[in-house]
Amino acid sequence: RAEARLAAGTYGISVESGEQIPDARLEIAPTAERTVEEEQ
């Protein structure tokens, strides 16, 4: 799913809110689909 988002140009953007997912989160969890707050 993350590879598909990368190909579509939406990698790093929350699938829930459209907010940017911080790079630090993506470094730790490269498949993250949501921000930490949304996930919590």
ModelCIF file with pLDDT and N, C-alpha, C, O atoms, coordinates in Angstrom:
data_MODEL
#
_entry.id   MODEL 
#
_entity.id                         1 
_entity.type                       polymer 
_entity.pdbx_number_of_molecules   1 
#
_entity_poly.entity_id                      1 
_entity_poly.type                           'polypeptide(L)' 
_entity_poly.nstd_linkage                   no 
_entity_poly.nstd_monomer                   no 
_entity_poly.pdbx_seq_one_letter_code       RAEARLAAGTYGISVESGEQIPDARLEIAPTAERTVEEEQ 
_entity_poly.pdbx_seq_one_letter_code_can   RAEARLAAGTYGISVESGEQIPDARLEIAPTAERTVEEEQ 
_entity_poly.pdbx_strand_id                 A 
#
loop_
_entity_poly_seq.entity_id 
_entity_poly_seq.num 
_entity_poly_seq.mon_id 
_entity_poly_seq.hetero 
1 1  ARG n 
1 2  ALA n 
1 3  GLU n 
1 4  ALA n 
1 5  ARG n 
1 6  LEU n 
1 7  ALA n 
1 8  ALA n 
1 9  GLY n 
1 10 THR n 
1 11 TYR n 
1 12 GLY n 
1 13 ILE n 
1 14 SER n 
1 15 VAL n 
1 16 GLU n 
1 17 SER n 
1 18 GLY n 
1 19 GLU n 
1 20 GLN n 
1 21 ILE n 
1 22 PRO n 
1 23 ASP n 
1 24 ALA n 
1 25 ARG n 
1 26 LEU n 
1 27 GLU n 
1 28 ILE n 
1 29 ALA n 
1 30 PRO n 
1 31 THR n 
1 32 ALA n 
1 33 GLU n 
1 34 ARG n 
1 35 THR n 
1 36 VAL n 
1 37 GLU n 
1 38 GLU n 
1 39 GLU n 
1 40 GLN n 
#
_struct_asym.id          A 
_struct_asym.entity_id   1 
#
loop_
_ma_qa_metric.id 
_ma_qa_metric.mode 
_ma_qa_metric.name 
_ma_qa_metric.software_group_id 
_ma_qa_metric.type 
1 global pLDDT . pLDDT 
2 local  pLDDT . pLDDT 
#
_ma_qa_metric_global.metric_id      1 
_ma_qa_metric_global.metric_value   97.05 
_ma_qa_metric_global.model_id       1 
_ma_qa_metric_global.ordinal_id     1 
#
loop_
_ma_qa_metric_local.label_asym_id 
_ma_qa_metric_local.label_comp_id 
_ma_qa_metric_local.label_seq_id 
_ma_qa_metric_local.metric_id 
_ma_qa_metric_local.metric_value 
_ma_qa_metric_local.model_id 
_ma_qa_metric_local.ordinal_id 
A ARG 1  2 98.00 1 1  
A ALA 2  2 98.00 1 2  
A GLU 3  2 98.00 1 3  
A ALA 4  2 98.00 1 4  
A ARG 5  2 98.00 1 5  
A LEU 6  2 98.00 1 6  
A ALA 7  2 97.00 1 7  
A ALA 8  2 97.00 1 8  
A GLY 9  2 97.00 1 9  
A THR 10 2 97.00 1 10 
A TYR 11 2 98.00 1 11 
A GLY 12 2 97.00 1 12 
A ILE 13 2 98.00 1 13 
A SER 14 2 98.00 1 14 
A VAL 15 2 96.00 1 15 
A GLU 16 2 95.00 1 16 
A SER 17 2 96.00 1 17 
A GLY 18 2 96.00 1 18 
A GLU 19 2 97.00 1 19 
A GLN 20 2 98.00 1 20 
A ILE 21 2 98.00 1 21 
A PRO 22 2 97.00 1 22 
A ASP 23 2 97.00 1 23 
A ALA 24 2 97.00 1 24 
A ARG 25 2 97.00 1 25 
A LEU 26 2 98.00 1 26 
A GLU 27 2 97.00 1 27 
A ILE 28 2 96.00 1 28 
A ALA 29 2 97.00 1 29 
A PRO 30 2 98.00 1 30 
A THR 31 2 98.00 1 31 
A ALA 32 2 98.00 1 32 
A GLU 33 2 97.00 1 33 
A ARG 34 2 97.00 1 34 
A THR 35 2 97.00 1 35 
A VAL 36 2 96.00 1 36 
A GLU 37 2 96.00 1 37 
A GLU 38 2 97.00 1 38 
A GLU 39 2 95.00 1 39 
A GLN 40 2 94.00 1 40 
#
loop_
_atom_site.group_PDB 
_atom_site.id 
_atom_site.type_symbol 
_atom_site.label_atom_id 
_atom_site.label_alt_id 
_atom_site.label_comp_id 
_atom_site.label_asym_id 
_atom_site.label_entity_id 
_atom_site.label_seq_id 
_atom_site.pdbx_PDB_ins_code 
_atom_site.Cartn_x 
_atom_site.Cartn_y 
_atom_site.Cartn_z 
_atom_site.occupancy 
_atom_site.B_iso_or_equiv 
_atom_site.pdbx_formal_charge 
_atom_site.auth_seq_id 
_atom_site.auth_comp_id 
_atom_site.auth_asym_id 
_atom_site.auth_atom_id 
_atom_site.pdbx_PDB_model_num 
ATOM 1   N N  . ARG A 1 1  ? 0.841  -1.211 0.000  1.00 98.00 ? 1  ARG A N  1 
ATOM 2   C CA . ARG A 1 1  ? 0.000  0.000  0.000  1.00 98.00 ? 1  ARG A CA 1 
ATOM 3   C C  . ARG A 1 1  ? 0.873  1.256  0.000  1.00 98.00 ? 1  ARG A C  1 
ATOM 4   O O  . ARG A 1 1  ? 0.573  2.230  -0.691 1.00 98.00 ? 1  ARG A O  1 
ATOM 5   N N  . ALA A 1 2  ? 1.961  1.224  0.786  1.00 98.00 ? 2  ALA A N  1 
ATOM 6   C CA . ALA A 1 2  ? 2.867  2.375  0.841  1.00 98.00 ? 2  ALA A CA 1 
ATOM 7   C C  . ALA A 1 2  ? 3.551  2.594  -0.515 1.00 98.00 ? 2  ALA A C  1 
ATOM 8   O O  . ALA A 1 2  ? 3.722  3.733  -0.950 1.00 98.00 ? 2  ALA A O  1 
ATOM 9   N N  . GLU A 1 3  ? 3.936  1.511  -1.171 1.00 98.00 ? 3  GLU A N  1 
ATOM 10  C CA . GLU A 1 3  ? 4.545  1.626  -2.505 1.00 98.00 ? 3  GLU A CA 1 
ATOM 11  C C  . GLU A 1 3  ? 3.547  2.203  -3.501 1.00 98.00 ? 3  GLU A C  1 
ATOM 12  O O  . GLU A 1 3  ? 3.925  2.982  -4.376 1.00 98.00 ? 3  GLU A O  1 
ATOM 13  N N  . ALA A 1 4  ? 2.295  1.833  -3.379 1.00 98.00 ? 4  ALA A N  1 
ATOM 14  C CA . ALA A 1 4  ? 1.257  2.374  -4.274 1.00 98.00 ? 4  ALA A CA 1 
ATOM 15  C C  . ALA A 1 4  ? 1.063  3.870  -4.010 1.00 98.00 ? 4  ALA A C  1 
ATOM 16  O O  . ALA A 1 4  ? 0.885  4.649  -4.946 1.00 98.00 ? 4  ALA A O  1 
ATOM 17  N N  . ARG A 1 5  ? 1.098  4.271  -2.731 1.00 98.00 ? 5  ARG A N  1 
ATOM 18  C CA . ARG A 1 5  ? 0.979  5.701  -2.413 1.00 98.00 ? 5  ARG A CA 1 
ATOM 19  C C  . ARG A 1 5  ? 2.185  6.467  -2.950 1.00 98.00 ? 5  ARG A C  1 
ATOM 20  O O  . ARG A 1 5  ? 2.047  7.593  -3.429 1.00 98.00 ? 5  ARG A O  1 
ATOM 21  N N  . LEU A 1 6  ? 3.357  5.859  -2.870 1.00 98.00 ? 6  LEU A N  1 
ATOM 22  C CA . LEU A 1 6  ? 4.564  6.499  -3.393 1.00 98.00 ? 6  LEU A CA 1 
ATOM 23  C C  . LEU A 1 6  ? 4.430  6.717  -4.901 1.00 98.00 ? 6  LEU A C  1 
ATOM 24  O O  . LEU A 1 6  ? 4.752  7.791  -5.409 1.00 98.00 ? 6  LEU A O  1 
ATOM 25  N N  . ALA A 1 7  ? 3.955  5.699  -5.606 1.00 97.00 ? 7  ALA A N  1 
ATOM 26  C CA . ALA A 1 7  ? 3.766  5.807  -7.060 1.00 97.00 ? 7  ALA A CA 1 
ATOM 27  C C  . ALA A 1 7  ? 2.707  6.856  -7.413 1.00 97.00 ? 7  ALA A C  1 
ATOM 28  O O  . ALA A 1 7  ? 2.801  7.514  -8.450 1.00 97.00 ? 7  ALA A O  1 
ATOM 29  N N  . ALA A 1 8  ? 1.713  7.007  -6.556 1.00 97.00 ? 8  ALA A N  1 
ATOM 30  C CA . ALA A 1 8  ? 0.625  7.957  -6.813 1.00 97.00 ? 8  ALA A CA 1 
ATOM 31  C C  . ALA A 1 8  ? 0.968  9.374  -6.347 1.00 97.00 ? 8  ALA A C  1 
ATOM 32  O O  . ALA A 1 8  ? 0.217  10.316 -6.596 1.00 97.00 ? 8  ALA A O  1 
ATOM 33  N N  . GLY A 1 9  ? 2.115  9.515  -5.665 1.00 97.00 ? 9  GLY A N  1 
ATOM 34  C CA . GLY A 1 9  ? 2.510  10.828 -5.176 1.00 97.00 ? 9  GLY A CA 1 
ATOM 35  C C  . GLY A 1 9  ? 1.859  11.222 -3.867 1.00 97.00 ? 9  GLY A C  1 
ATOM 36  O O  . GLY A 1 9  ? 1.873  12.399 -3.505 1.00 97.00 ? 9  GLY A O  1 
ATOM 37  N N  . THR A 1 10 ? 1.287  10.266 -3.147 1.00 97.00 ? 10 THR A N  1 
ATOM 38  C CA . THR A 1 10 ? 0.617  10.575 -1.874 1.00 97.00 ? 10 THR A CA 1 
ATOM 39  C C  . THR A 1 10 ? 1.325  9.956  -0.668 1.00 97.00 ? 10 THR A C  1 
ATOM 40  O O  . THR A 1 10 ? 0.786  9.957  0.439  1.00 97.00 ? 10 THR A O  1 
ATOM 41  N N  . TYR A 1 11 ? 2.517  9.434  -0.882 1.00 98.00 ? 11 TYR A N  1 
ATOM 42  C CA . TYR A 1 11 ? 3.267  8.848  0.238  1.00 98.00 ? 11 TYR A CA 1 
ATOM 43  C C  . TYR A 1 11 ? 3.602  9.959  1.233  1.00 98.00 ? 11 TYR A C  1 
ATOM 44  O O  . TYR A 1 11 ? 3.997  11.057 0.843  1.00 98.00 ? 11 TYR A O  1 
ATOM 45  N N  . GLY A 1 12 ? 3.439  9.660  2.517  1.00 97.00 ? 12 GLY A N  1 
ATOM 46  C CA . GLY A 1 12 ? 3.745  10.638 3.550  1.00 97.00 ? 12 GLY A CA 1 
ATOM 47  C C  . GLY A 1 12 ? 2.587  11.548 3.881  1.00 97.00 ? 12 GLY A C  1 
ATOM 48  O O  . GLY A 1 12 ? 2.730  12.490 4.661  1.00 97.00 ? 12 GLY A O  1 
ATOM 49  N N  . ILE A 1 13 ? 1.435  11.267 3.287  1.00 98.00 ? 13 ILE A N  1 
ATOM 50  C CA . ILE A 1 13 ? 0.230  12.044 3.564  1.00 98.00 ? 13 ILE A CA 1 
ATOM 51  C C  . ILE A 1 13 ? -0.778 11.103 4.214  1.00 98.00 ? 13 ILE A C  1 
ATOM 52  O O  . ILE A 1 13 ? -1.018 10.002 3.718  1.00 98.00 ? 13 ILE A O  1 
ATOM 53  N N  . SER A 1 14 ? -1.365 11.540 5.320  1.00 98.00 ? 14 SER A N  1 
ATOM 54  C CA . SER A 1 14 ? -2.310 10.707 6.053  1.00 98.00 ? 14 SER A CA 1 
ATOM 55  C C  . SER A 1 14 ? -3.494 10.318 5.172  1.00 98.00 ? 14 SER A C  1 
ATOM 56  O O  . SER A 1 14 ? -4.090 11.154 4.494  1.00 98.00 ? 14 SER A O  1 
ATOM 57  N N  . VAL A 1 15 ? -3.818 9.020  5.201  1.00 96.00 ? 15 VAL A N  1 
ATOM 58  C CA . VAL A 1 15 ? -4.981 8.540  4.442  1.00 96.00 ? 15 VAL A CA 1 
ATOM 59  C C  . VAL A 1 15 ? -6.280 8.964  5.116  1.00 96.00 ? 15 VAL A C  1 
ATOM 60  O O  . VAL A 1 15 ? -7.354 8.893  4.520  1.00 96.00 ? 15 VAL A O  1 
ATOM 61  N N  . GLU A 1 16 ? -6.166 9.406  6.365  1.00 95.00 ? 16 GLU A N  1 
ATOM 62  C CA . GLU A 1 16 ? -7.355 9.802  7.118  1.00 95.00 ? 16 GLU A CA 1 
ATOM 63  C C  . GLU A 1 16 ? -7.665 11.292 6.978  1.00 95.00 ? 16 GLU A C  1 
ATOM 64  O O  . GLU A 1 16 ? -8.795 11.674 6.673  1.00 95.00 ? 16 GLU A O  1 
ATOM 65  N N  . SER A 1 17 ? -6.663 12.116 7.202  1.00 96.00 ? 17 SER A N  1 
ATOM 66  C CA . SER A 1 17 ? -6.905 13.560 7.255  1.00 96.00 ? 17 SER A CA 1 
ATOM 67  C C  . SER A 1 17 ? -6.283 14.348 6.108  1.00 96.00 ? 17 SER A C  1 
ATOM 68  O O  . SER A 1 17 ? -6.655 15.496 5.864  1.00 96.00 ? 17 SER A O  1 
ATOM 69  N N  . GLY A 1 18 ? -5.343 13.737 5.410  1.00 96.00 ? 18 GLY A N  1 
ATOM 70  C CA . GLY A 1 18 ? -4.628 14.464 4.366  1.00 96.00 ? 18 GLY A CA 1 
ATOM 71  C C  . GLY A 1 18 ? -3.470 15.291 4.911  1.00 96.00 ? 18 GLY A C  1 
ATOM 72  O O  . GLY A 1 18 ? -2.796 15.992 4.156  1.00 96.00 ? 18 GLY A O  1 
ATOM 73  N N  . GLU A 1 19 ? -3.234 15.210 6.232  1.00 97.00 ? 19 GLU A N  1 
ATOM 74  C CA . GLU A 1 19 ? -2.110 15.926 6.838  1.00 97.00 ? 19 GLU A CA 1 
ATOM 75  C C  . GLU A 1 19 ? -0.796 15.237 6.489  1.00 97.00 ? 19 GLU A C  1 
ATOM 76  O O  . GLU A 1 19 ? -0.753 14.037 6.219  1.00 97.00 ? 19 GLU A O  1 
ATOM 77  N N  . GLN A 1 20 ? 0.268  16.025 6.503  1.00 98.00 ? 20 GLN A N  1 
ATOM 78  C CA . GLN A 1 20 ? 1.608  15.497 6.259  1.00 98.00 ? 20 GLN A CA 1 
ATOM 79  C C  . GLN A 1 20 ? 2.035  14.623 7.441  1.00 98.00 ? 20 GLN A C  1 
ATOM 80  O O  . GLN A 1 20 ? 1.869  15.019 8.595  1.00 98.00 ? 20 GLN A O  1 
ATOM 81  N N  . ILE A 1 21 ? 2.577  13.452 7.164  1.00 98.00 ? 21 ILE A N  1 
ATOM 82  C CA . ILE A 1 21 ? 3.147  12.599 8.197  1.00 98.00 ? 21 ILE A CA 1 
ATOM 83  C C  . ILE A 1 21 ? 4.605  13.008 8.333  1.00 98.00 ? 21 ILE A C  1 
ATOM 84  O O  . ILE A 1 21 ? 5.333  13.017 7.340  1.00 98.00 ? 21 ILE A O  1 
ATOM 85  N N  . PRO A 1 22 ? 5.050  13.347 9.542  1.00 97.00 ? 22 PRO A N  1 
ATOM 86  C CA . PRO A 1 22 ? 6.439  13.802 9.718  1.00 97.00 ? 22 PRO A CA 1 
ATOM 87  C C  . PRO A 1 22 ? 7.456  12.764 9.225  1.00 97.00 ? 22 PRO A C  1 
ATOM 88  O O  . PRO A 1 22 ? 7.270  11.558 9.384  1.00 97.00 ? 22 PRO A O  1 
ATOM 89  N N  . ASP A 1 23 ? 8.524  13.269 8.630  1.00 97.00 ? 23 ASP A N  1 
ATOM 90  C CA . ASP A 1 23 ? 9.590  12.392 8.132  1.00 97.00 ? 23 ASP A CA 1 
ATOM 91  C C  . ASP A 1 23 ? 10.155 11.503 9.231  1.00 97.00 ? 23 ASP A C  1 
ATOM 92  O O  . ASP A 1 23 ? 10.500 10.349 8.976  1.00 97.00 ? 23 ASP A O  1 
ATOM 93  N N  . ALA A 1 24 ? 10.255 12.028 10.453 1.00 97.00 ? 24 ALA A N  1 
ATOM 94  C CA . ALA A 1 24 ? 10.795 11.231 11.563 1.00 97.00 ? 24 ALA A CA 1 
ATOM 95  C C  . ALA A 1 24 ? 9.936  9.982  11.787 1.00 97.00 ? 24 ALA A C  1 
ATOM 96  O O  . ALA A 1 24 ? 10.462 8.906  12.076 1.00 97.00 ? 24 ALA A O  1 
ATOM 97  N N  . ARG A 1 25 ? 8.634  10.127 11.654 1.00 97.00 ? 25 ARG A N  1 
ATOM 98  C CA . ARG A 1 25 ? 7.742  8.965  11.803 1.00 97.00 ? 25 ARG A CA 1 
ATOM 99  C C  . ARG A 1 25 ? 7.953  7.976  10.658 1.00 97.00 ? 25 ARG A C  1 
ATOM 100 O O  . ARG A 1 25 ? 7.990  6.766  10.881 1.00 97.00 ? 25 ARG A O  1 
ATOM 101 N N  . LEU A 1 26 ? 8.090  8.482  9.453  1.00 98.00 ? 26 LEU A N  1 
ATOM 102 C CA . LEU A 1 26 ? 8.282  7.606  8.291  1.00 98.00 ? 26 LEU A CA 1 
ATOM 103 C C  . LEU A 1 26 ? 9.630  6.892  8.344  1.00 98.00 ? 26 LEU A C  1 
ATOM 104 O O  . LEU A 1 26 ? 9.754  5.773  7.845  1.00 98.00 ? 26 LEU A O  1 
ATOM 105 N N  . GLU A 1 27 ? 10.633 7.521  8.938  1.00 97.00 ? 27 GLU A N  1 
ATOM 106 C CA . GLU A 1 27 ? 11.930 6.860  9.102  1.00 97.00 ? 27 GLU A CA 1 
ATOM 107 C C  . GLU A 1 27 ? 11.787 5.641  10.014 1.00 97.00 ? 27 GLU A C  1 
ATOM 108 O O  . GLU A 1 27 ? 12.411 4.606  9.782  1.00 97.00 ? 27 GLU A O  1 
ATOM 109 N N  . ILE A 1 28 ? 10.963 5.775  11.048 1.00 96.00 ? 28 ILE A N  1 
ATOM 110 C CA . ILE A 1 28 ? 10.757 4.689  12.003 1.00 96.00 ? 28 ILE A CA 1 
ATOM 111 C C  . ILE A 1 28 ? 9.751  3.674  11.483 1.00 96.00 ? 28 ILE A C  1 
ATOM 112 O O  . ILE A 1 28 ? 9.943  2.467  11.630 1.00 96.00 ? 28 ILE A O  1 
ATOM 113 N N  . ALA A 1 29 ? 8.678  4.169  10.874 1.00 97.00 ? 29 ALA A N  1 
ATOM 114 C CA . ALA A 1 29 ? 7.595  3.312  10.374 1.00 97.00 ? 29 ALA A CA 1 
ATOM 115 C C  . ALA A 1 29 ? 7.286  3.710  8.936  1.00 97.00 ? 29 ALA A C  1 
ATOM 116 O O  . ALA A 1 29 ? 6.352  4.473  8.690  1.00 97.00 ? 29 ALA A O  1 
ATOM 117 N N  . PRO A 1 30 ? 8.070  3.195  7.978  1.00 98.00 ? 30 PRO A N  1 
ATOM 118 C CA . PRO A 1 30 ? 7.918  3.634  6.587  1.00 98.00 ? 30 PRO A CA 1 
ATOM 119 C C  . PRO A 1 30 ? 6.559  3.311  5.964  1.00 98.00 ? 30 PRO A C  1 
ATOM 120 O O  . PRO A 1 30 ? 6.213  3.865  4.920  1.00 98.00 ? 30 PRO A O  1 
ATOM 121 N N  . THR A 1 31 ? 5.798  2.435  6.582  1.00 98.00 ? 31 THR A N  1 
ATOM 122 C CA . THR A 1 31 ? 4.477  2.103  6.040  1.00 98.00 ? 31 THR A CA 1 
ATOM 123 C C  . THR A 1 31 ? 3.358  2.878  6.727  1.00 98.00 ? 31 THR A C  1 
ATOM 124 O O  . THR A 1 31 ? 2.181  2.594  6.500  1.00 98.00 ? 31 THR A O  1 
ATOM 125 N N  . ALA A 1 32 ? 3.713  3.862  7.571  1.00 98.00 ? 32 ALA A N  1 
ATOM 126 C CA . ALA A 1 32 ? 2.711  4.628  8.313  1.00 98.00 ? 32 ALA A CA 1 
ATOM 127 C C  . ALA A 1 32 ? 1.688  5.235  7.354  1.00 98.00 ? 32 ALA A C  1 
ATOM 128 O O  . ALA A 1 32 ? 2.035  5.830  6.334  1.00 98.00 ? 32 ALA A O  1 
ATOM 129 N N  . GLU A 1 33 ? 0.419  5.065  7.715  1.00 97.00 ? 33 GLU A N  1 
ATOM 130 C CA . GLU A 1 33 ? -0.674 5.602  6.899  1.00 97.00 ? 33 GLU A CA 1 
ATOM 131 C C  . GLU A 1 33 ? -1.342 6.807  7.553  1.00 97.00 ? 33 GLU A C  1 
ATOM 132 O O  . GLU A 1 33 ? -2.128 7.514  6.921  1.00 97.00 ? 33 GLU A O  1 
ATOM 133 N N  . ARG A 1 34 ? -1.023 7.031  8.817  1.00 97.00 ? 34 ARG A N  1 
ATOM 134 C CA . ARG A 1 34 ? -1.646 8.103  9.589  1.00 97.00 ? 34 ARG A CA 1 
ATOM 135 C C  . ARG A 1 34 ? -0.595 8.785  10.460 1.00 97.00 ? 34 ARG A C  1 
ATOM 136 O O  . ARG A 1 34 ? 0.492  8.251  10.677 1.00 97.00 ? 34 ARG A O  1 
ATOM 137 N N  . THR A 1 35 ? -0.938 9.976  10.956 1.00 97.00 ? 35 THR A N  1 
ATOM 138 C CA . THR A 1 35 ? -0.071 10.645 11.915 1.00 97.00 ? 35 THR A CA 1 
ATOM 139 C C  . THR A 1 35 ? -0.144 9.878  13.232 1.00 97.00 ? 35 THR A C  1 
ATOM 140 O O  . THR A 1 35 ? -1.035 9.052  13.428 1.00 97.00 ? 35 THR A O  1 
ATOM 141 N N  . VAL A 1 36 ? 0.786  10.151 14.123 1.00 96.00 ? 36 VAL A N  1 
ATOM 142 C CA . VAL A 1 36 ? 0.808  9.483  15.428 1.00 96.00 ? 36 VAL A CA 1 
ATOM 143 C C  . VAL A 1 36 ? -0.499 9.755  16.164 1.00 96.00 ? 36 VAL A C  1 
ATOM 144 O O  . VAL A 1 36 ? -1.095 8.840  16.733 1.00 96.00 ? 36 VAL A O  1 
ATOM 145 N N  . GLU A 1 37 ? -0.944 11.009 16.156 1.00 96.00 ? 37 GLU A N  1 
ATOM 146 C CA . GLU A 1 37 ? -2.165 11.377 16.866 1.00 96.00 ? 37 GLU A CA 1 
ATOM 147 C C  . GLU A 1 37 ? -3.380 10.632 16.315 1.00 96.00 ? 37 GLU A C  1 
ATOM 148 O O  . GLU A 1 37 ? -4.221 10.167 17.084 1.00 96.00 ? 37 GLU A O  1 
ATOM 149 N N  . GLU A 1 38 ? -3.474 10.518 15.009 1.00 97.00 ? 38 GLU A N  1 
ATOM 150 C CA . GLU A 1 38 ? -4.599 9.785  14.392 1.00 97.00 ? 38 GLU A CA 1 
ATOM 151 C C  . GLU A 1 38 ? -4.539 8.313  14.741 1.00 97.00 ? 38 GLU A C  1 
ATOM 152 O O  . GLU A 1 38 ? -5.568 7.691  15.004 1.00 97.00 ? 38 GLU A O  1 
ATOM 153 N N  . GLU A 1 39 ? -3.353 7.759  14.745 1.00 95.00 ? 39 GLU A N  1 
ATOM 154 C CA . GLU A 1 39 ? -3.186 6.340  15.075 1.00 95.00 ? 39 GLU A CA 1 
ATOM 155 C C  . GLU A 1 39 ? -3.564 6.075  16.528 1.00 95.00 ? 39 GLU A C  1 
ATOM 156 O O  . GLU A 1 39 ? -4.219 5.078  16.834 1.00 95.00 ? 39 GLU A O  1 
ATOM 157 N N  . GLN A 1 40 ? -3.147 6.971  17.421 1.00 94.00 ? 40 GLN A N  1 
ATOM 158 C CA . GLN A 1 40 ? -3.491 6.821  18.832 1.00 94.00 ? 40 GLN A CA 1 
ATOM 159 C C  . GLN A 1 40 ? -4.998 6.937  19.044 1.00 94.00 ? 40 GLN A C  1 
ATOM 160 O O  . GLN A 1 40 ? -5.471 6.836  20.176 1.00 94.00 ? 40 GLN A O  1 
#
